[in-house]
C-alpha cells in the first residue's frame, strides 16, 4: 500500500482537529499551557480555508478565509498590525466574493442573477464605506423596476 501524504488537502483538516484534541487534553492535565498556544488559533482558519479552496470546491471563500487567517496570525505574532475598524470597513468584500463565486460557478437557474445582485450590493457598500459615493440605496430602488422590466422583455422575446 502506498504511503499517504500527511499534508494532502484531504488529510490536513483531520490532522488539525486531532492535534487540537491532543493540545486540549494536555492542557486539561496541566502538561501544556494553552494560553501560550492561543495566539496560533488563526492557523485553524488557514487550514480550513486551504481545504475549502483545494478540495471543498469553494475556491473564492476558501481563499478569503485562508488569507484572513494568515493576516490574523501575522498580527498575533507582531509581524503585522491590524486595525479592526479598518478591517470592518472591508466586510462588503464577502458579498463581492460570494457574488463572484455564483457567477463563476453557477449551480442553479437564478444563481447568476443572485451573483450579480450580491456583487452589486457588495460594490456599493464597499464604495460607500470608503466615501467614494454619496447617495443612498433608497435612491437606487428604480433599478429593481428596470430589472423587472428587462426580465419581462427577455421572457416575452424568448417565447415569441
N, C-alpha and C. Protein backbone atom coordinates (compact mmCIF):
# COMPACT_ATOMS: atom_id res chain seq x y z
N UNK A 1 0.85 -1.18 0.00
CA UNK A 1 0.00 0.00 0.00
C UNK A 1 0.90 1.24 0.00
N UNK A 2 0.63 2.20 -0.90
CA UNK A 2 1.46 3.41 -0.96
C UNK A 2 1.28 4.28 0.28
N UNK A 3 2.34 4.97 0.66
CA UNK A 3 2.29 5.87 1.81
C UNK A 3 1.45 7.10 1.46
N UNK A 4 0.63 7.53 2.41
CA UNK A 4 -0.22 8.72 2.22
C UNK A 4 0.57 9.98 2.56
N UNK A 5 0.33 11.02 1.81
CA UNK A 5 0.95 12.31 2.08
C UNK A 5 0.18 12.98 3.22
N UNK A 6 0.84 13.22 4.35
CA UNK A 6 0.16 13.78 5.53
C UNK A 6 -0.27 15.22 5.33
N UNK A 7 0.27 15.91 4.33
CA UNK A 7 -0.12 17.29 4.10
C UNK A 7 -1.08 17.43 2.93
N UNK A 8 -1.65 16.32 2.49
CA UNK A 8 -2.62 16.42 1.40
C UNK A 8 -3.87 17.13 1.90
N UNK A 9 -4.59 17.78 1.01
CA UNK A 9 -5.78 18.54 1.42
C UNK A 9 -6.84 17.70 2.12
N UNK A 10 -6.89 16.41 1.84
CA UNK A 10 -7.90 15.57 2.49
C UNK A 10 -7.48 15.16 3.90
N UNK A 11 -6.20 15.08 4.15
CA UNK A 11 -5.70 14.64 5.45
C UNK A 11 -5.52 15.81 6.40
N UNK A 12 -5.18 16.97 5.89
CA UNK A 12 -4.83 18.12 6.71
C UNK A 12 -5.91 18.54 7.72
N UNK A 13 -7.18 18.64 7.34
CA UNK A 13 -8.19 19.03 8.34
C UNK A 13 -8.29 18.03 9.49
N UNK A 14 -8.20 16.75 9.17
CA UNK A 14 -8.24 15.74 10.23
C UNK A 14 -7.05 15.85 11.16
N UNK A 15 -5.88 16.12 10.59
CA UNK A 15 -4.69 16.32 11.42
C UNK A 15 -4.84 17.52 12.34
N UNK A 16 -5.39 18.59 11.82
CA UNK A 16 -5.57 19.81 12.62
C UNK A 16 -6.53 19.54 13.78
N UNK A 17 -7.64 18.87 13.52
CA UNK A 17 -8.62 18.59 14.58
C UNK A 17 -8.02 17.64 15.61
N UNK A 18 -7.30 16.60 15.15
CA UNK A 18 -6.68 15.67 16.09
C UNK A 18 -5.62 16.38 16.94
N UNK A 19 -4.83 17.24 16.30
CA UNK A 19 -3.81 17.99 17.05
C UNK A 19 -4.47 18.91 18.08
N UNK A 20 -5.57 19.54 17.70
CA UNK A 20 -6.29 20.40 18.66
C UNK A 20 -6.78 19.58 19.84
N UNK A 21 -7.27 18.36 19.58
CA UNK A 21 -7.70 17.49 20.68
C UNK A 21 -6.57 17.12 21.61
N UNK A 22 -5.41 16.80 21.05
CA UNK A 22 -4.24 16.47 21.87
C UNK A 22 -3.82 17.66 22.71
N UNK A 23 -3.82 18.84 22.10
CA UNK A 23 -3.44 20.05 22.83
C UNK A 23 -4.41 20.32 23.98
N UNK A 24 -5.71 20.19 23.71
CA UNK A 24 -6.71 20.39 24.77
C UNK A 24 -6.56 19.36 25.88
N UNK A 25 -6.25 18.12 25.53
CA UNK A 25 -6.06 17.07 26.53
C UNK A 25 -4.83 17.36 27.39
N UNK A 26 -3.73 17.75 26.75
CA UNK A 26 -2.52 18.09 27.50
C UNK A 26 -2.75 19.30 28.41
N UNK A 27 -3.54 20.24 27.94
CA UNK A 27 -3.87 21.41 28.76
C UNK A 27 -4.71 21.01 29.97
N UNK A 28 -5.64 20.09 29.78
CA UNK A 28 -6.51 19.70 30.89
C UNK A 28 -5.74 18.98 32.00
N UNK A 29 -4.59 18.38 31.67
CA UNK A 29 -3.75 17.74 32.68
C UNK A 29 -2.59 18.63 33.11
N UNK A 30 -2.65 19.93 32.75
CA UNK A 30 -1.61 20.91 33.10
C UNK A 30 -0.22 20.52 32.62
N UNK A 31 -0.16 19.79 31.54
CA UNK A 31 1.12 19.43 30.94
C UNK A 31 1.56 20.51 29.96
N UNK A 32 0.59 21.21 29.41
CA UNK A 32 0.84 22.22 28.39
C UNK A 32 0.05 23.47 28.77
N UNK A 33 0.66 24.64 28.55
CA UNK A 33 -0.02 25.90 28.83
C UNK A 33 -0.72 26.37 27.55
N UNK A 34 -2.03 26.26 27.52
CA UNK A 34 -2.80 26.60 26.34
C UNK A 34 -2.80 28.10 26.06
N UNK A 35 -2.60 28.92 27.09
CA UNK A 35 -2.61 30.37 26.89
C UNK A 35 -1.51 30.78 25.91
N UNK A 36 -0.36 30.17 26.00
CA UNK A 36 0.73 30.49 25.08
C UNK A 36 0.44 30.05 23.65
N UNK A 37 -0.32 28.97 23.50
CA UNK A 37 -0.65 28.47 22.17
C UNK A 37 -1.87 29.17 21.56
N UNK A 38 -2.59 29.89 22.38
CA UNK A 38 -3.83 30.52 21.90
C UNK A 38 -3.57 31.53 20.78
N UNK A 39 -2.39 32.06 20.71
CA UNK A 39 -2.11 33.03 19.67
C UNK A 39 -1.96 32.39 18.29
N UNK A 40 -2.00 31.07 18.24
CA UNK A 40 -1.89 30.37 16.96
C UNK A 40 -3.25 29.89 16.43
N UNK A 41 -4.35 30.32 17.04
CA UNK A 41 -5.67 29.89 16.59
C UNK A 41 -5.97 30.25 15.13
N UNK A 42 -5.43 31.35 14.57
CA UNK A 42 -5.74 31.64 13.16
C UNK A 42 -5.26 30.57 12.19
N UNK A 43 -4.34 29.72 12.62
CA UNK A 43 -3.90 28.64 11.74
C UNK A 43 -5.04 27.68 11.42
N UNK A 44 -6.04 27.61 12.29
CA UNK A 44 -7.23 26.81 12.00
C UNK A 44 -7.99 27.40 10.82
N UNK A 45 -8.08 28.72 10.77
CA UNK A 45 -8.72 29.37 9.62
C UNK A 45 -7.93 29.12 8.34
N UNK A 46 -6.62 29.18 8.44
CA UNK A 46 -5.77 28.95 7.27
C UNK A 46 -5.98 27.52 6.76
N UNK A 47 -5.99 26.57 7.68
CA UNK A 47 -6.16 25.17 7.31
C UNK A 47 -7.53 24.91 6.68
N UNK A 48 -8.57 25.40 7.32
CA UNK A 48 -9.93 25.19 6.81
C UNK A 48 -10.12 25.91 5.48
N UNK A 49 -9.58 27.12 5.37
CA UNK A 49 -9.68 27.86 4.11
C UNK A 49 -8.94 27.16 2.98
N UNK A 50 -7.76 26.65 3.27
CA UNK A 50 -6.99 25.91 2.25
C UNK A 50 -7.75 24.66 1.83
N UNK A 51 -8.35 23.99 2.79
CA UNK A 51 -9.14 22.79 2.46
C UNK A 51 -10.31 23.15 1.55
N UNK A 52 -11.02 24.21 1.88
CA UNK A 52 -12.15 24.63 1.04
C UNK A 52 -11.69 25.03 -0.36
N UNK A 53 -10.58 25.73 -0.42
CA UNK A 53 -10.09 26.21 -1.72
C UNK A 53 -9.60 25.07 -2.60
N UNK A 54 -8.99 24.07 -1.99
CA UNK A 54 -8.38 23.00 -2.79
C UNK A 54 -9.35 21.83 -3.01
N UNK A 55 -9.99 21.38 -1.95
CA UNK A 55 -10.83 20.19 -2.03
C UNK A 55 -12.32 20.47 -1.89
N UNK A 56 -12.67 21.56 -1.23
CA UNK A 56 -14.07 21.81 -0.91
C UNK A 56 -14.89 22.37 -2.05
N UNK A 57 -14.27 22.74 -3.14
CA UNK A 57 -15.00 23.25 -4.28
C UNK A 57 -15.42 24.70 -4.16
N UNK A 58 -14.94 25.38 -3.16
CA UNK A 58 -15.30 26.79 -2.98
C UNK A 58 -14.01 27.60 -2.90
N UNK A 59 -13.41 27.81 -4.05
CA UNK A 59 -12.10 28.45 -4.10
C UNK A 59 -12.10 29.89 -3.60
N UNK A 60 -13.13 30.64 -3.94
CA UNK A 60 -13.17 32.05 -3.56
C UNK A 60 -13.27 32.18 -2.04
N UNK A 61 -14.27 31.53 -1.44
CA UNK A 61 -14.46 31.64 0.01
C UNK A 61 -13.28 31.03 0.76
N UNK A 62 -12.79 29.88 0.28
CA UNK A 62 -11.64 29.25 0.94
C UNK A 62 -10.40 30.12 0.90
N UNK A 63 -10.17 30.76 -0.22
CA UNK A 63 -9.00 31.64 -0.34
C UNK A 63 -9.12 32.85 0.57
N UNK A 64 -10.33 33.42 0.65
CA UNK A 64 -10.54 34.57 1.55
C UNK A 64 -10.34 34.15 3.00
N UNK A 65 -10.89 33.00 3.37
CA UNK A 65 -10.75 32.52 4.74
C UNK A 65 -9.28 32.26 5.08
N UNK A 66 -8.54 31.66 4.17
CA UNK A 66 -7.11 31.41 4.41
C UNK A 66 -6.34 32.72 4.51
N UNK A 67 -6.66 33.69 3.65
CA UNK A 67 -5.97 34.98 3.70
C UNK A 67 -6.26 35.71 5.01
N UNK A 68 -7.49 35.66 5.47
CA UNK A 68 -7.84 36.27 6.76
C UNK A 68 -7.06 35.58 7.88
N UNK A 69 -6.98 34.26 7.82
CA UNK A 69 -6.21 33.52 8.83
C UNK A 69 -4.74 33.90 8.84
N UNK A 70 -4.16 34.05 7.67
CA UNK A 70 -2.75 34.46 7.58
C UNK A 70 -2.57 35.86 8.17
N UNK A 71 -3.46 36.78 7.82
CA UNK A 71 -3.36 38.15 8.35
C UNK A 71 -3.49 38.16 9.87
N UNK A 72 -4.45 37.41 10.40
CA UNK A 72 -4.63 37.37 11.85
C UNK A 72 -3.43 36.72 12.55
N UNK A 73 -2.87 35.68 11.93
CA UNK A 73 -1.70 35.03 12.51
C UNK A 73 -0.50 35.99 12.53
N UNK A 74 -0.30 36.71 11.43
CA UNK A 74 0.79 37.69 11.40
C UNK A 74 0.58 38.78 12.44
N UNK A 75 -0.67 39.18 12.67
CA UNK A 75 -0.97 40.16 13.70
C UNK A 75 -0.65 39.60 15.08
N UNK A 76 -1.04 38.35 15.33
CA UNK A 76 -0.76 37.73 16.63
C UNK A 76 0.74 37.59 16.90
N UNK A 77 1.52 37.43 15.85
CA UNK A 77 2.96 37.29 16.01
C UNK A 77 3.69 38.64 16.00
N UNK A 78 2.94 39.74 15.84
CA UNK A 78 3.52 41.07 15.85
C UNK A 78 4.21 41.45 14.55
N UNK A 79 3.94 40.71 13.48
CA UNK A 79 4.57 40.99 12.20
C UNK A 79 3.70 41.90 11.33
N UNK A 80 2.48 42.15 11.76
CA UNK A 80 1.53 42.97 11.02
C UNK A 80 0.59 43.59 12.04
N UNK A 81 0.26 44.84 11.87
CA UNK A 81 -0.68 45.49 12.77
C UNK A 81 -2.00 45.67 12.06
N UNK A 82 -3.04 45.10 12.65
CA UNK A 82 -4.37 45.17 12.06
C UNK A 82 -5.24 46.06 12.93
N UNK A 83 -5.77 47.11 12.31
CA UNK A 83 -6.72 47.98 12.99
C UNK A 83 -8.12 47.45 12.67
N UNK A 84 -8.83 46.96 13.68
CA UNK A 84 -10.11 46.30 13.47
C UNK A 84 -11.13 47.22 12.81
N UNK A 85 -11.07 48.52 13.07
CA UNK A 85 -12.00 49.45 12.43
C UNK A 85 -11.78 49.52 10.92
N UNK A 86 -10.51 49.49 10.52
CA UNK A 86 -10.22 49.48 9.08
C UNK A 86 -10.68 48.17 8.44
N UNK A 87 -10.48 47.07 9.15
CA UNK A 87 -10.89 45.77 8.61
C UNK A 87 -12.41 45.70 8.48
N UNK A 88 -13.13 46.25 9.45
CA UNK A 88 -14.59 46.19 9.40
C UNK A 88 -15.15 46.96 8.21
N UNK A 89 -14.41 47.90 7.70
CA UNK A 89 -14.86 48.63 6.50
C UNK A 89 -14.82 47.74 5.27
N UNK A 90 -14.12 46.62 5.36
CA UNK A 90 -13.97 45.72 4.21
C UNK A 90 -15.01 44.60 4.17
N UNK A 91 -15.96 44.58 5.10
CA UNK A 91 -16.93 43.49 5.13
C UNK A 91 -17.65 43.27 3.81
N UNK A 92 -17.90 44.29 2.98
CA UNK A 92 -18.59 44.03 1.71
C UNK A 92 -17.82 43.13 0.75
N UNK A 93 -16.53 42.95 0.99
CA UNK A 93 -15.75 42.06 0.14
C UNK A 93 -16.33 40.64 0.19
N UNK A 94 -16.93 40.28 1.32
CA UNK A 94 -17.57 38.96 1.44
C UNK A 94 -18.72 38.85 0.43
N UNK A 95 -19.54 39.90 0.33
CA UNK A 95 -20.63 39.88 -0.65
C UNK A 95 -20.09 39.81 -2.08
N UNK A 96 -19.03 40.56 -2.33
CA UNK A 96 -18.42 40.56 -3.66
C UNK A 96 -17.89 39.17 -3.99
N UNK A 97 -17.22 38.54 -3.04
CA UNK A 97 -16.66 37.20 -3.27
C UNK A 97 -17.76 36.17 -3.50
N UNK A 98 -18.82 36.24 -2.70
CA UNK A 98 -19.93 35.30 -2.89
C UNK A 98 -20.59 35.50 -4.25
N UNK A 99 -20.78 36.75 -4.62
CA UNK A 99 -21.36 37.05 -5.94
C UNK A 99 -20.48 36.55 -7.06
N UNK A 100 -19.18 36.77 -6.94
CA UNK A 100 -18.24 36.30 -7.96
C UNK A 100 -18.26 34.78 -8.05
N UNK A 101 -18.32 34.12 -6.90
CA UNK A 101 -18.39 32.66 -6.87
C UNK A 101 -19.63 32.16 -7.61
N UNK A 102 -20.76 32.82 -7.38
CA UNK A 102 -22.00 32.41 -8.04
C UNK A 102 -21.95 32.65 -9.54
N UNK A 103 -21.23 33.68 -9.97
CA UNK A 103 -21.10 33.95 -11.40
C UNK A 103 -20.11 33.00 -12.06
N UNK A 104 -19.05 32.66 -11.34
CA UNK A 104 -18.02 31.79 -11.90
C UNK A 104 -18.51 30.35 -11.99
N UNK A 105 -19.18 29.89 -10.94
CA UNK A 105 -19.66 28.51 -10.90
C UNK A 105 -21.16 28.49 -10.60
N UNK A 106 -22.00 28.90 -11.54
CA UNK A 106 -23.44 28.89 -11.27
C UNK A 106 -23.95 27.47 -11.11
N UNK A 107 -24.76 27.24 -10.06
CA UNK A 107 -25.27 25.89 -9.79
C UNK A 107 -26.77 25.80 -9.98
N UNK A 108 -27.41 26.90 -10.21
CA UNK A 108 -28.86 26.88 -10.37
C UNK A 108 -29.31 27.88 -11.41
N UNK A 109 -30.61 27.89 -11.63
CA UNK A 109 -31.19 28.75 -12.67
C UNK A 109 -30.99 30.23 -12.36
N UNK A 110 -31.12 30.60 -11.09
CA UNK A 110 -31.07 32.01 -10.72
C UNK A 110 -29.77 32.42 -10.03
N UNK A 111 -28.80 31.51 -9.99
CA UNK A 111 -27.53 31.85 -9.32
C UNK A 111 -26.82 33.02 -9.98
N UNK A 112 -26.92 33.15 -11.28
CA UNK A 112 -26.26 34.27 -11.95
C UNK A 112 -26.90 35.59 -11.55
N UNK A 113 -28.22 35.59 -11.44
CA UNK A 113 -28.93 36.81 -11.02
C UNK A 113 -28.57 37.18 -9.59
N UNK A 114 -28.59 36.18 -8.70
CA UNK A 114 -28.23 36.43 -7.30
C UNK A 114 -26.77 36.86 -7.21
N UNK A 115 -25.91 36.26 -8.03
CA UNK A 115 -24.49 36.64 -8.05
C UNK A 115 -24.31 38.10 -8.45
N UNK A 116 -25.05 38.54 -9.46
CA UNK A 116 -24.96 39.94 -9.90
C UNK A 116 -25.47 40.87 -8.79
N UNK A 117 -26.55 40.47 -8.12
CA UNK A 117 -27.10 41.29 -7.03
C UNK A 117 -26.09 41.40 -5.89
N UNK A 118 -25.51 40.27 -5.48
CA UNK A 118 -24.52 40.30 -4.39
C UNK A 118 -23.29 41.11 -4.77
N UNK A 119 -22.84 40.92 -6.00
CA UNK A 119 -21.69 41.67 -6.48
C UNK A 119 -21.98 43.17 -6.49
N UNK A 120 -23.16 43.54 -6.94
CA UNK A 120 -23.55 44.96 -6.98
C UNK A 120 -23.68 45.55 -5.59
N UNK A 121 -24.37 44.84 -4.70
CA UNK A 121 -24.53 45.34 -3.33
C UNK A 121 -23.18 45.46 -2.62
N UNK A 122 -22.34 44.44 -2.78
CA UNK A 122 -21.01 44.49 -2.17
C UNK A 122 -20.20 45.67 -2.68
N UNK A 123 -20.26 45.90 -3.98
CA UNK A 123 -19.53 47.03 -4.56
C UNK A 123 -20.06 48.36 -4.05
N UNK A 124 -21.39 48.47 -3.95
CA UNK A 124 -22.00 49.69 -3.44
C UNK A 124 -21.55 49.95 -1.99
N UNK A 125 -21.68 48.92 -1.14
CA UNK A 125 -21.33 49.10 0.28
C UNK A 125 -19.84 49.39 0.46
N UNK A 126 -19.00 48.74 -0.34
CA UNK A 126 -17.56 48.99 -0.23
C UNK A 126 -17.23 50.42 -0.66
N UNK A 127 -17.80 50.87 -1.77
CA UNK A 127 -17.57 52.24 -2.22
C UNK A 127 -18.11 53.24 -1.21
N UNK A 128 -19.25 52.93 -0.62
CA UNK A 128 -19.83 53.81 0.40
C UNK A 128 -18.95 53.87 1.65
N UNK A 129 -18.42 52.73 2.08
CA UNK A 129 -17.56 52.70 3.27
C UNK A 129 -16.29 53.53 3.10
N UNK A 130 -15.83 53.67 1.88
CA UNK A 130 -14.61 54.45 1.64
C UNK A 130 -14.92 55.85 1.10
N UNK A 131 -16.19 56.25 1.15
CA UNK A 131 -16.58 57.60 0.77
C UNK A 131 -16.46 57.90 -0.71
N UNK A 132 -16.53 56.88 -1.54
CA UNK A 132 -16.40 57.08 -2.98
C UNK A 132 -17.72 57.48 -3.63
N UNK A 133 -18.82 57.23 -2.94
CA UNK A 133 -20.14 57.63 -3.44
C UNK A 133 -20.89 58.32 -2.33
N UNK A 134 -21.84 59.17 -2.71
CA UNK A 134 -22.57 59.93 -1.68
C UNK A 134 -24.08 59.85 -1.88
N UNK A 135 -24.57 58.69 -2.30
CA UNK A 135 -26.02 58.52 -2.41
C UNK A 135 -26.40 57.22 -1.70
N UNK A 136 -27.65 57.15 -1.27
CA UNK A 136 -28.12 56.01 -0.52
C UNK A 136 -28.83 54.98 -1.39
N UNK A 137 -29.01 53.81 -0.85
CA UNK A 137 -29.73 52.75 -1.56
C UNK A 137 -31.16 53.15 -1.88
N UNK A 138 -31.75 53.98 -1.02
CA UNK A 138 -33.14 54.39 -1.26
C UNK A 138 -33.29 55.14 -2.58
N UNK A 139 -32.20 55.69 -3.09
CA UNK A 139 -32.25 56.38 -4.37
C UNK A 139 -32.12 55.41 -5.55
N UNK A 140 -31.73 54.18 -5.28
CA UNK A 140 -31.47 53.22 -6.34
C UNK A 140 -32.62 52.24 -6.57
N UNK A 141 -33.72 52.34 -5.81
CA UNK A 141 -34.79 51.36 -5.94
C UNK A 141 -35.37 51.27 -7.35
N UNK A 142 -35.36 52.33 -8.16
CA UNK A 142 -35.89 52.17 -9.52
C UNK A 142 -35.13 51.15 -10.37
N UNK A 143 -33.89 50.82 -9.97
CA UNK A 143 -33.15 49.80 -10.70
C UNK A 143 -33.89 48.47 -10.65
N UNK A 144 -34.55 48.19 -9.53
CA UNK A 144 -35.33 46.96 -9.42
C UNK A 144 -36.47 46.95 -10.43
N UNK A 145 -37.09 48.10 -10.66
CA UNK A 145 -38.18 48.20 -11.64
C UNK A 145 -37.63 47.97 -13.04
N UNK A 146 -36.47 48.58 -13.33
CA UNK A 146 -35.83 48.39 -14.64
C UNK A 146 -35.49 46.91 -14.84
N UNK A 147 -34.92 46.28 -13.82
CA UNK A 147 -34.54 44.86 -13.92
C UNK A 147 -35.77 43.99 -14.14
N UNK A 148 -36.86 44.29 -13.45
CA UNK A 148 -38.10 43.52 -13.64
C UNK A 148 -38.60 43.67 -15.07
N UNK A 149 -38.55 44.89 -15.59
CA UNK A 149 -38.98 45.12 -16.98
C UNK A 149 -38.11 44.39 -17.98
N UNK A 150 -36.81 44.41 -17.76
CA UNK A 150 -35.89 43.71 -18.66
C UNK A 150 -36.16 42.20 -18.60
N UNK A 151 -36.40 41.69 -17.41
CA UNK A 151 -36.72 40.28 -17.26
C UNK A 151 -38.01 39.90 -18.00
N UNK A 152 -39.01 40.75 -17.90
CA UNK A 152 -40.26 40.51 -18.60
C UNK A 152 -40.04 40.55 -20.12
N UNK A 153 -39.24 41.50 -20.59
CA UNK A 153 -38.93 41.58 -22.02
C UNK A 153 -38.20 40.33 -22.52
N UNK A 154 -37.22 39.88 -21.75
CA UNK A 154 -36.48 38.67 -22.13
C UNK A 154 -37.39 37.48 -22.24
N UNK A 155 -38.27 37.34 -21.25
CA UNK A 155 -39.21 36.21 -21.25
C UNK A 155 -40.15 36.28 -22.44
N UNK A 156 -40.68 37.49 -22.72
CA UNK A 156 -41.61 37.68 -23.84
C UNK A 156 -40.91 37.41 -25.18
N UNK A 157 -39.68 37.88 -25.32
CA UNK A 157 -38.96 37.69 -26.59
C UNK A 157 -38.52 36.23 -26.77
N UNK A 158 -38.25 35.55 -25.66
CA UNK A 158 -37.83 34.15 -25.76
C UNK A 158 -38.99 33.25 -26.18
N UNK A 159 -40.20 33.61 -25.77
CA UNK A 159 -41.37 32.78 -26.12
C UNK A 159 -41.97 33.16 -27.45
N UNK A 160 -41.56 34.28 -28.02
CA UNK A 160 -42.14 34.74 -29.30
C UNK A 160 -41.49 34.08 -30.49
